[in-house]
Amino acid sequence: MVLFLAGQFLLAGCGQAPEVERSLEPVAIEAGDECHVCGMLITRFPGPKGEAFVRHRETPLKFCSTRDLFVWLRQPESAAIVEAVFVHDMTSAPWDSPVRKHLIPAETAWYVVGGDQSGAMGPTLASFAWREAAEVYTDTHGGQVMAYEEIDLSVLEALNKLDHKDHHH
């Protein structure tokens, strides 16, 4: 009887059966967490950060900047496995240390590309829950407001070119 149950369980794993339900709620970025793209310690750097839940992985991948997050997201193999993505809402978060309560769904956020505030790797995408907040940010910091789906690899490459000359990793 036990063997029969084990067999049933294995079969379920191969089909389209849902995996163990897990929460796709944003989690805190902890002091020791490293960026999935560049390996840097995330909390040592300012600016909005991100995290992504992917299939077959309990905990989210974490990113030191929204820029690194989008570079990863826009790879075809990443797009195929991603289940939920979160970024910081910089409306209410302190630029130097946004925390878990500021994380919002990335798909509905608005982004300022090319503003003058740096993230972990230099120029980053300032993320906001509301378009109005993003526009207010550009009044002070410059840049262009963009929606999630508008941020493709060409936008990210342009951001790389903006990299401040005096910025050191």
N, C-alpha and C. Protein backbone atom coordinates (compact mmCIF):
# COMPACT_ATOMS: atom_id res chain seq x y z
N MET A 1 0.83 -1.20 0.00
CA MET A 1 0.00 0.00 0.00
C MET A 1 0.87 1.25 0.00
N VAL A 2 1.90 1.24 0.81
CA VAL A 2 2.80 2.40 0.87
C VAL A 2 3.46 2.63 -0.48
N LEU A 3 3.91 1.56 -1.12
CA LEU A 3 4.55 1.68 -2.43
C LEU A 3 3.59 2.26 -3.44
N PHE A 4 2.34 1.80 -3.39
CA PHE A 4 1.34 2.30 -4.33
C PHE A 4 1.19 3.82 -4.19
N LEU A 5 1.12 4.28 -2.95
CA LEU A 5 0.98 5.72 -2.71
C LEU A 5 2.19 6.49 -3.23
N ALA A 6 3.37 5.93 -3.02
CA ALA A 6 4.58 6.59 -3.51
C ALA A 6 4.54 6.69 -5.03
N GLY A 7 4.07 5.64 -5.68
CA GLY A 7 3.96 5.65 -7.14
C GLY A 7 3.02 6.74 -7.61
N GLN A 8 1.89 6.87 -6.94
CA GLN A 8 0.92 7.91 -7.29
C GLN A 8 1.55 9.29 -7.15
N PHE A 9 2.31 9.45 -6.11
CA PHE A 9 2.93 10.73 -5.83
C PHE A 9 3.93 11.09 -6.94
N LEU A 10 4.71 10.12 -7.37
CA LEU A 10 5.69 10.37 -8.43
C LEU A 10 4.99 10.75 -9.73
N LEU A 11 3.90 10.05 -10.04
CA LEU A 11 3.16 10.36 -11.25
C LEU A 11 2.64 11.79 -11.22
N ALA A 12 2.15 12.19 -10.09
CA ALA A 12 1.61 13.54 -9.95
C ALA A 12 2.70 14.57 -10.25
N GLY A 13 3.93 14.25 -9.87
CA GLY A 13 5.04 15.17 -10.08
C GLY A 13 5.35 15.38 -11.55
N CYS A 14 5.06 14.39 -12.38
CA CYS A 14 5.41 14.48 -13.80
C CYS A 14 4.36 15.23 -14.60
N GLY A 15 3.12 15.19 -14.14
CA GLY A 15 2.04 15.81 -14.91
C GLY A 15 2.00 17.31 -14.72
N GLN A 16 0.85 17.88 -14.97
CA GLN A 16 0.69 19.31 -14.81
C GLN A 16 0.17 19.65 -13.41
N ALA A 17 0.28 18.71 -12.50
CA ALA A 17 -0.23 18.96 -11.16
C ALA A 17 0.48 20.16 -10.53
N PRO A 18 -0.26 20.97 -9.82
CA PRO A 18 0.39 22.14 -9.20
C PRO A 18 1.43 21.71 -8.18
N GLU A 19 2.46 22.49 -8.04
CA GLU A 19 3.47 22.22 -7.03
C GLU A 19 2.87 22.57 -5.67
N VAL A 20 3.66 22.27 -4.64
CA VAL A 20 3.24 22.64 -3.30
C VAL A 20 2.93 24.14 -3.31
N GLU A 21 1.78 24.49 -2.81
CA GLU A 21 1.42 25.91 -2.80
C GLU A 21 2.44 26.67 -1.96
N ARG A 22 2.92 27.75 -2.49
CA ARG A 22 3.81 28.56 -1.68
C ARG A 22 3.42 30.01 -1.87
N SER A 23 3.73 30.79 -0.89
CA SER A 23 3.36 32.19 -0.92
C SER A 23 4.22 32.93 -1.93
N LEU A 24 3.59 33.72 -2.79
CA LEU A 24 4.35 34.57 -3.70
C LEU A 24 4.28 36.00 -3.18
N GLU A 25 4.54 36.11 -1.89
CA GLU A 25 4.55 37.42 -1.24
C GLU A 25 6.00 37.87 -1.14
N PRO A 26 6.25 39.15 -1.32
CA PRO A 26 7.64 39.61 -1.21
C PRO A 26 8.23 39.32 0.15
N VAL A 27 9.52 39.03 0.16
CA VAL A 27 10.22 38.74 1.41
C VAL A 27 11.27 39.82 1.63
N ALA A 28 11.72 39.94 2.86
CA ALA A 28 12.73 40.94 3.17
C ALA A 28 14.05 40.57 2.51
N ILE A 29 14.79 41.57 2.09
CA ILE A 29 16.15 41.35 1.61
C ILE A 29 17.05 41.46 2.84
N GLU A 30 17.73 40.38 3.14
CA GLU A 30 18.51 40.29 4.38
C GLU A 30 19.95 40.73 4.16
N ALA A 31 20.64 40.98 5.27
CA ALA A 31 22.01 41.53 5.20
C ALA A 31 22.96 40.67 4.37
N GLY A 32 22.82 39.35 4.44
CA GLY A 32 23.78 38.51 3.72
C GLY A 32 23.40 38.19 2.28
N ASP A 33 22.24 38.66 1.83
CA ASP A 33 21.77 38.28 0.49
C ASP A 33 22.63 38.85 -0.62
N GLU A 34 22.91 37.99 -1.60
CA GLU A 34 23.72 38.40 -2.74
C GLU A 34 22.86 38.54 -3.98
N CYS A 35 23.26 39.45 -4.86
CA CYS A 35 22.53 39.68 -6.10
C CYS A 35 22.67 38.47 -7.02
N HIS A 36 21.57 38.01 -7.57
CA HIS A 36 21.56 36.85 -8.45
C HIS A 36 22.38 37.11 -9.72
N VAL A 37 22.47 38.35 -10.15
CA VAL A 37 23.20 38.67 -11.38
C VAL A 37 24.69 38.90 -11.12
N CYS A 38 24.99 39.75 -10.12
CA CYS A 38 26.40 40.16 -9.98
C CYS A 38 27.07 39.65 -8.72
N GLY A 39 26.30 39.05 -7.80
CA GLY A 39 26.90 38.47 -6.61
C GLY A 39 27.24 39.46 -5.50
N MET A 40 26.94 40.74 -5.69
CA MET A 40 27.26 41.72 -4.66
C MET A 40 26.27 41.63 -3.50
N LEU A 41 26.71 42.04 -2.33
CA LEU A 41 25.82 42.05 -1.17
C LEU A 41 24.81 43.18 -1.35
N ILE A 42 23.54 42.81 -1.42
CA ILE A 42 22.49 43.74 -1.84
C ILE A 42 22.32 44.92 -0.90
N THR A 43 22.31 44.66 0.40
CA THR A 43 21.95 45.73 1.33
C THR A 43 23.05 46.77 1.50
N ARG A 44 24.21 46.53 0.91
CA ARG A 44 25.29 47.51 1.05
C ARG A 44 25.14 48.67 0.07
N PHE A 45 24.15 48.59 -0.80
CA PHE A 45 24.00 49.60 -1.84
C PHE A 45 22.66 50.31 -1.76
N PRO A 46 22.61 51.54 -2.24
CA PRO A 46 21.37 52.31 -2.22
C PRO A 46 20.47 51.95 -3.40
N GLY A 47 19.29 52.54 -3.41
CA GLY A 47 18.41 52.45 -4.56
C GLY A 47 17.45 51.28 -4.51
N PRO A 48 16.47 51.28 -5.43
CA PRO A 48 15.46 50.23 -5.46
C PRO A 48 16.06 48.90 -5.88
N LYS A 49 15.57 47.86 -5.24
CA LYS A 49 16.04 46.51 -5.52
C LYS A 49 14.85 45.68 -5.98
N GLY A 50 15.12 44.45 -6.37
CA GLY A 50 14.02 43.63 -6.85
C GLY A 50 14.18 42.19 -6.43
N GLU A 51 13.09 41.43 -6.61
CA GLU A 51 13.16 39.99 -6.38
C GLU A 51 12.17 39.31 -7.30
N ALA A 52 12.49 38.07 -7.64
CA ALA A 52 11.65 37.32 -8.57
C ALA A 52 11.48 35.90 -8.09
N PHE A 53 10.22 35.46 -8.06
CA PHE A 53 9.94 34.06 -7.77
C PHE A 53 9.95 33.29 -9.09
N VAL A 54 10.65 32.16 -9.09
CA VAL A 54 10.70 31.34 -10.28
C VAL A 54 10.21 29.93 -9.95
N ARG A 55 9.80 29.21 -11.00
CA ARG A 55 9.30 27.85 -10.81
C ARG A 55 10.34 26.97 -10.14
N HIS A 56 9.86 26.03 -9.33
CA HIS A 56 10.70 25.02 -8.69
C HIS A 56 11.72 25.59 -7.72
N ARG A 57 11.45 26.78 -7.20
CA ARG A 57 12.37 27.35 -6.21
C ARG A 57 11.54 28.01 -5.13
N GLU A 58 11.83 27.63 -3.90
CA GLU A 58 11.02 28.09 -2.77
C GLU A 58 11.18 29.59 -2.52
N THR A 59 12.43 30.05 -2.53
CA THR A 59 12.70 31.44 -2.18
C THR A 59 12.94 32.26 -3.44
N PRO A 60 12.67 33.55 -3.39
CA PRO A 60 12.86 34.36 -4.60
C PRO A 60 14.35 34.63 -4.87
N LEU A 61 14.66 34.83 -6.14
CA LEU A 61 15.97 35.35 -6.51
C LEU A 61 15.95 36.83 -6.15
N LYS A 62 17.08 37.35 -5.70
CA LYS A 62 17.11 38.75 -5.27
C LYS A 62 18.16 39.51 -6.07
N PHE A 63 17.89 40.80 -6.28
CA PHE A 63 18.73 41.60 -7.16
C PHE A 63 19.12 42.91 -6.48
N CYS A 64 20.39 43.32 -6.68
CA CYS A 64 20.90 44.51 -5.99
C CYS A 64 20.33 45.80 -6.57
N SER A 65 19.76 45.72 -7.77
CA SER A 65 19.20 46.92 -8.38
C SER A 65 18.11 46.51 -9.35
N THR A 66 17.22 47.44 -9.64
CA THR A 66 16.18 47.16 -10.64
C THR A 66 16.83 46.95 -12.00
N ARG A 67 17.98 47.56 -12.22
CA ARG A 67 18.66 47.36 -13.50
C ARG A 67 19.09 45.90 -13.66
N ASP A 68 19.76 45.36 -12.65
CA ASP A 68 20.16 43.95 -12.73
C ASP A 68 18.93 43.04 -12.85
N LEU A 69 17.88 43.39 -12.14
CA LEU A 69 16.63 42.61 -12.22
C LEU A 69 16.13 42.56 -13.67
N PHE A 70 16.06 43.71 -14.32
CA PHE A 70 15.53 43.74 -15.68
C PHE A 70 16.46 43.08 -16.68
N VAL A 71 17.77 43.21 -16.48
CA VAL A 71 18.71 42.52 -17.36
C VAL A 71 18.43 41.02 -17.30
N TRP A 72 18.18 40.52 -16.09
CA TRP A 72 17.88 39.10 -15.92
C TRP A 72 16.51 38.76 -16.50
N LEU A 73 15.51 39.58 -16.19
CA LEU A 73 14.13 39.32 -16.63
C LEU A 73 14.01 39.24 -18.15
N ARG A 74 14.81 40.05 -18.85
CA ARG A 74 14.67 40.14 -20.30
C ARG A 74 15.44 39.06 -21.06
N GLN A 75 16.01 38.10 -20.32
CA GLN A 75 16.59 36.93 -20.99
C GLN A 75 15.45 35.93 -21.22
N PRO A 76 15.40 35.32 -22.41
CA PRO A 76 14.29 34.41 -22.73
C PRO A 76 14.13 33.29 -21.71
N GLU A 77 15.25 32.74 -21.22
CA GLU A 77 15.14 31.61 -20.28
C GLU A 77 14.57 32.07 -18.94
N SER A 78 14.78 33.32 -18.57
CA SER A 78 14.20 33.84 -17.33
C SER A 78 12.71 34.04 -17.49
N ALA A 79 12.32 34.66 -18.61
CA ALA A 79 10.91 34.94 -18.85
C ALA A 79 10.08 33.66 -18.80
N ALA A 80 10.69 32.54 -19.18
CA ALA A 80 9.96 31.27 -19.23
C ALA A 80 9.64 30.71 -17.85
N ILE A 81 10.41 31.10 -16.84
CA ILE A 81 10.23 30.47 -15.52
C ILE A 81 9.72 31.41 -14.44
N VAL A 82 9.65 32.70 -14.75
CA VAL A 82 9.32 33.65 -13.69
C VAL A 82 7.83 33.57 -13.33
N GLU A 83 7.54 33.67 -12.04
CA GLU A 83 6.14 33.59 -11.58
C GLU A 83 5.65 34.89 -10.96
N ALA A 84 6.53 35.61 -10.31
CA ALA A 84 6.14 36.88 -9.68
C ALA A 84 7.39 37.72 -9.51
N VAL A 85 7.26 39.01 -9.75
CA VAL A 85 8.40 39.92 -9.65
C VAL A 85 7.99 41.11 -8.81
N PHE A 86 8.90 41.54 -7.93
CA PHE A 86 8.63 42.68 -7.07
C PHE A 86 9.76 43.69 -7.14
N VAL A 87 9.40 44.96 -7.03
CA VAL A 87 10.40 46.03 -6.96
C VAL A 87 10.00 46.98 -5.84
N HIS A 88 10.93 47.81 -5.44
CA HIS A 88 10.62 48.78 -4.38
C HIS A 88 9.83 49.96 -4.94
N ASP A 89 8.85 50.38 -4.15
CA ASP A 89 8.13 51.61 -4.45
C ASP A 89 8.88 52.74 -3.75
N MET A 90 9.58 53.55 -4.55
CA MET A 90 10.43 54.58 -3.96
C MET A 90 9.64 55.82 -3.54
N THR A 91 8.31 55.77 -3.69
CA THR A 91 7.49 56.88 -3.22
C THR A 91 7.67 57.06 -1.72
N SER A 92 7.65 55.94 -1.01
CA SER A 92 7.70 56.01 0.44
C SER A 92 8.99 55.43 1.02
N ALA A 93 9.81 54.82 0.16
CA ALA A 93 11.03 54.18 0.67
C ALA A 93 12.19 55.16 0.70
N PRO A 94 13.03 55.08 1.73
CA PRO A 94 14.25 55.89 1.73
C PRO A 94 15.19 55.34 0.66
N TRP A 95 15.77 56.20 -0.17
CA TRP A 95 16.62 55.75 -1.28
C TRP A 95 17.75 54.85 -0.79
N ASP A 96 18.32 55.17 0.36
CA ASP A 96 19.48 54.40 0.81
C ASP A 96 19.15 53.03 1.37
N SER A 97 17.91 52.83 1.83
CA SER A 97 17.62 51.53 2.42
C SER A 97 16.14 51.17 2.36
N PRO A 98 15.62 50.92 1.15
CA PRO A 98 14.22 50.48 1.06
C PRO A 98 14.06 49.10 1.71
N VAL A 99 12.90 48.84 2.26
CA VAL A 99 12.70 47.57 2.96
C VAL A 99 11.50 46.81 2.38
N ARG A 100 11.25 45.68 2.99
CA ARG A 100 10.23 44.77 2.48
C ARG A 100 8.86 45.42 2.30
N LYS A 101 8.47 46.27 3.25
CA LYS A 101 7.12 46.82 3.16
C LYS A 101 6.95 47.73 1.95
N HIS A 102 8.05 48.11 1.32
CA HIS A 102 7.97 48.96 0.13
C HIS A 102 7.92 48.17 -1.17
N LEU A 103 7.94 46.83 -1.09
CA LEU A 103 7.96 46.04 -2.33
C LEU A 103 6.56 45.95 -2.95
N ILE A 104 6.50 46.14 -4.27
CA ILE A 104 5.24 46.12 -5.01
C ILE A 104 5.41 45.27 -6.27
N PRO A 105 4.32 44.81 -6.87
CA PRO A 105 4.44 44.02 -8.11
C PRO A 105 5.11 44.83 -9.22
N ALA A 106 6.13 44.25 -9.83
CA ALA A 106 6.91 44.97 -10.85
C ALA A 106 6.09 45.32 -12.08
N GLU A 107 5.15 44.44 -12.44
CA GLU A 107 4.40 44.64 -13.69
C GLU A 107 3.52 45.88 -13.66
N THR A 108 3.09 46.29 -12.48
CA THR A 108 2.20 47.45 -12.39
C THR A 108 2.94 48.72 -11.99
N ALA A 109 4.24 48.60 -11.74
CA ALA A 109 5.01 49.76 -11.32
C ALA A 109 5.37 50.63 -12.52
N TRP A 110 5.77 51.87 -12.23
CA TRP A 110 6.27 52.81 -13.24
C TRP A 110 7.73 53.05 -12.93
N TYR A 111 8.52 53.24 -13.98
CA TYR A 111 9.97 53.33 -13.82
C TYR A 111 10.50 54.62 -14.42
N VAL A 112 11.46 55.21 -13.72
CA VAL A 112 12.15 56.37 -14.28
C VAL A 112 13.53 55.90 -14.72
N VAL A 113 13.77 56.03 -16.04
CA VAL A 113 15.03 55.62 -16.63
C VAL A 113 15.89 56.85 -16.84
N GLY A 114 17.12 56.79 -16.36
CA GLY A 114 18.05 57.89 -16.61
C GLY A 114 17.98 59.03 -15.61
N GLY A 115 17.39 58.79 -14.45
CA GLY A 115 17.43 59.81 -13.39
C GLY A 115 18.84 59.91 -12.83
N ASP A 116 19.07 60.91 -12.00
CA ASP A 116 20.45 61.15 -11.53
C ASP A 116 20.82 60.42 -10.24
N GLN A 117 19.90 59.66 -9.67
CA GLN A 117 20.25 58.93 -8.44
C GLN A 117 20.75 57.53 -8.80
N SER A 118 21.87 57.16 -8.21
CA SER A 118 22.47 55.87 -8.54
C SER A 118 21.97 54.74 -7.64
N GLY A 119 21.99 53.54 -8.22
CA GLY A 119 21.72 52.33 -7.46
C GLY A 119 23.03 51.59 -7.26
N ALA A 120 22.94 50.29 -7.07
CA ALA A 120 24.12 49.49 -6.75
C ALA A 120 25.19 49.55 -7.83
N MET A 121 24.76 49.55 -9.09
CA MET A 121 25.73 49.47 -10.18
C MET A 121 25.72 50.75 -11.00
N GLY A 122 25.49 51.88 -10.36
CA GLY A 122 25.41 53.12 -11.14
C GLY A 122 23.97 53.42 -11.51
N PRO A 123 23.73 53.92 -12.73
CA PRO A 123 22.37 54.30 -13.12
C PRO A 123 21.41 53.14 -12.93
N THR A 124 20.21 53.44 -12.47
CA THR A 124 19.25 52.39 -12.23
C THR A 124 17.87 52.86 -12.66
N LEU A 125 16.87 52.02 -12.45
CA LEU A 125 15.49 52.36 -12.78
C LEU A 125 14.79 52.66 -11.45
N ALA A 126 14.44 53.91 -11.26
CA ALA A 126 13.71 54.26 -10.04
C ALA A 126 12.28 53.76 -10.21
N SER A 127 11.79 52.96 -9.27
CA SER A 127 10.49 52.32 -9.43
C SER A 127 9.46 52.94 -8.49
N PHE A 128 8.24 53.08 -9.00
CA PHE A 128 7.16 53.73 -8.24
C PHE A 128 5.83 53.02 -8.47
N ALA A 129 4.98 53.06 -7.44
CA ALA A 129 3.66 52.43 -7.56
C ALA A 129 2.76 53.24 -8.48
N TRP A 130 2.94 54.56 -8.51
CA TRP A 130 2.04 55.41 -9.30
C TRP A 130 2.81 56.22 -10.30
N ARG A 131 2.22 56.40 -11.48
CA ARG A 131 2.84 57.20 -12.52
C ARG A 131 3.11 58.63 -12.05
N GLU A 132 2.14 59.18 -11.29
CA GLU A 132 2.30 60.56 -10.81
C GLU A 132 3.57 60.69 -9.96
N ALA A 133 3.81 59.70 -9.12
CA ALA A 133 5.00 59.75 -8.26
C ALA A 133 6.27 59.70 -9.12
N ALA A 134 6.24 58.88 -10.17
CA ALA A 134 7.39 58.79 -11.06
C ALA A 134 7.63 60.13 -11.75
N GLU A 135 6.53 60.78 -12.14
CA GLU A 135 6.66 62.07 -12.83
C GLU A 135 7.20 63.16 -11.89
N VAL A 136 6.74 63.14 -10.64
CA VAL A 136 7.25 64.09 -9.65
C VAL A 136 8.76 63.87 -9.47
N TYR A 137 9.17 62.61 -9.45
CA TYR A 137 10.59 62.28 -9.30
C TYR A 137 11.41 62.89 -10.45
N THR A 138 10.88 62.81 -11.67
CA THR A 138 11.64 63.35 -12.82
C THR A 138 11.80 64.86 -12.73
N ASP A 139 10.87 65.53 -12.05
CA ASP A 139 11.00 66.98 -11.89
C ASP A 139 12.29 67.34 -11.17
N THR A 140 12.67 66.51 -10.23
CA THR A 140 13.88 66.76 -9.44
C THR A 140 15.10 66.07 -10.03
N HIS A 141 14.92 64.83 -10.46
CA HIS A 141 16.07 63.99 -10.80
C HIS A 141 16.24 63.73 -12.29
N GLY A 142 15.34 64.23 -13.11
CA GLY A 142 15.45 63.98 -14.55
C GLY A 142 15.02 62.56 -14.89
N GLY A 143 15.26 62.18 -16.14
CA GLY A 143 14.91 60.83 -16.57
C GLY A 143 13.57 60.80 -17.29
N GLN A 144 13.21 59.60 -17.71
CA GLN A 144 12.01 59.38 -18.51
C GLN A 144 11.15 58.31 -17.84
N VAL A 145 9.84 58.54 -17.77
CA VAL A 145 8.92 57.58 -17.15
C VAL A 145 8.55 56.49 -18.15
N MET A 146 8.67 55.24 -17.74
CA MET A 146 8.34 54.11 -18.61
C MET A 146 7.54 53.06 -17.85
N ALA A 147 6.71 52.34 -18.60
CA ALA A 147 5.96 51.22 -18.03
C ALA A 147 6.81 49.95 -18.10
N TYR A 148 6.42 48.96 -17.32
CA TYR A 148 7.15 47.69 -17.22
C TYR A 148 7.48 47.09 -18.58
N GLU A 149 6.45 46.99 -19.44
CA GLU A 149 6.67 46.30 -20.72
C GLU A 149 7.53 47.10 -21.70
N GLU A 150 7.72 48.39 -21.42
CA GLU A 150 8.55 49.20 -22.31
C GLU A 150 10.05 49.01 -22.05
N ILE A 151 10.37 48.42 -20.90
CA ILE A 151 11.79 48.30 -20.54
C ILE A 151 12.36 47.03 -21.15
N ASP A 152 13.04 47.20 -22.28
CA ASP A 152 13.64 46.05 -22.96
C ASP A 152 15.16 46.18 -22.92
N LEU A 153 15.84 45.27 -23.59
CA LEU A 153 17.30 45.28 -23.51
C LEU A 153 17.90 46.55 -24.10
N SER A 154 17.24 47.17 -25.09
CA SER A 154 17.80 48.40 -25.66
C SER A 154 17.77 49.53 -24.63
N VAL A 155 16.70 49.59 -23.83
CA VAL A 155 16.62 50.59 -22.76
C VAL A 155 17.74 50.35 -21.74
N LEU A 156 17.97 49.09 -21.42
CA LEU A 156 18.99 48.75 -20.42
C LEU A 156 20.39 49.05 -20.96
N GLU A 157 20.60 48.83 -22.26
CA GLU A 157 21.90 49.16 -22.85
C GLU A 157 22.14 50.66 -22.81
N ALA A 158 21.10 51.43 -23.09
CA ALA A 158 21.23 52.89 -23.03
C ALA A 158 21.58 53.33 -21.61
N LEU A 159 21.01 52.65 -20.63
CA LEU A 159 21.28 52.95 -19.23
C LEU A 159 22.76 52.66 -18.92
N ASN A 160 23.27 51.57 -19.46
CA ASN A 160 24.69 51.25 -19.27
C ASN A 160 25.58 52.38 -19.78
N LYS A 161 25.19 52.94 -20.91
CA LYS A 161 26.01 54.00 -21.50
C LYS A 161 25.99 55.26 -20.64
N LEU A 162 24.92 55.41 -19.86
CA LEU A 162 24.84 56.57 -18.96
C LEU A 162 25.75 56.42 -17.75
N ASP A 163 26.25 55.20 -17.57
CA ASP A 163 27.03 54.90 -16.36
C ASP A 163 27.98 56.05 -16.03
N HIS A 164 27.87 56.56 -14.83
CA HIS A 164 28.67 57.71 -14.43
C HIS A 164 30.16 57.39 -14.56
N LYS A 165 30.88 58.29 -15.16
CA LYS A 165 32.30 58.05 -15.44
C LYS A 165 33.09 57.80 -14.15
N ASP A 166 32.67 58.42 -13.08
CA ASP A 166 33.45 58.31 -11.85
C ASP A 166 32.98 57.15 -10.98
N HIS A 167 32.06 56.32 -11.51
CA HIS A 167 31.51 55.24 -10.69
C HIS A 167 32.45 54.04 -10.66
N HIS A 168 32.73 53.55 -9.46
CA HIS A 168 33.58 52.36 -9.32
C HIS A 168 32.78 51.25 -8.69
N HIS A 169 32.99 50.04 -9.17
CA HIS A 169 32.28 48.88 -8.57
C HIS A 169 32.95 48.48 -7.29
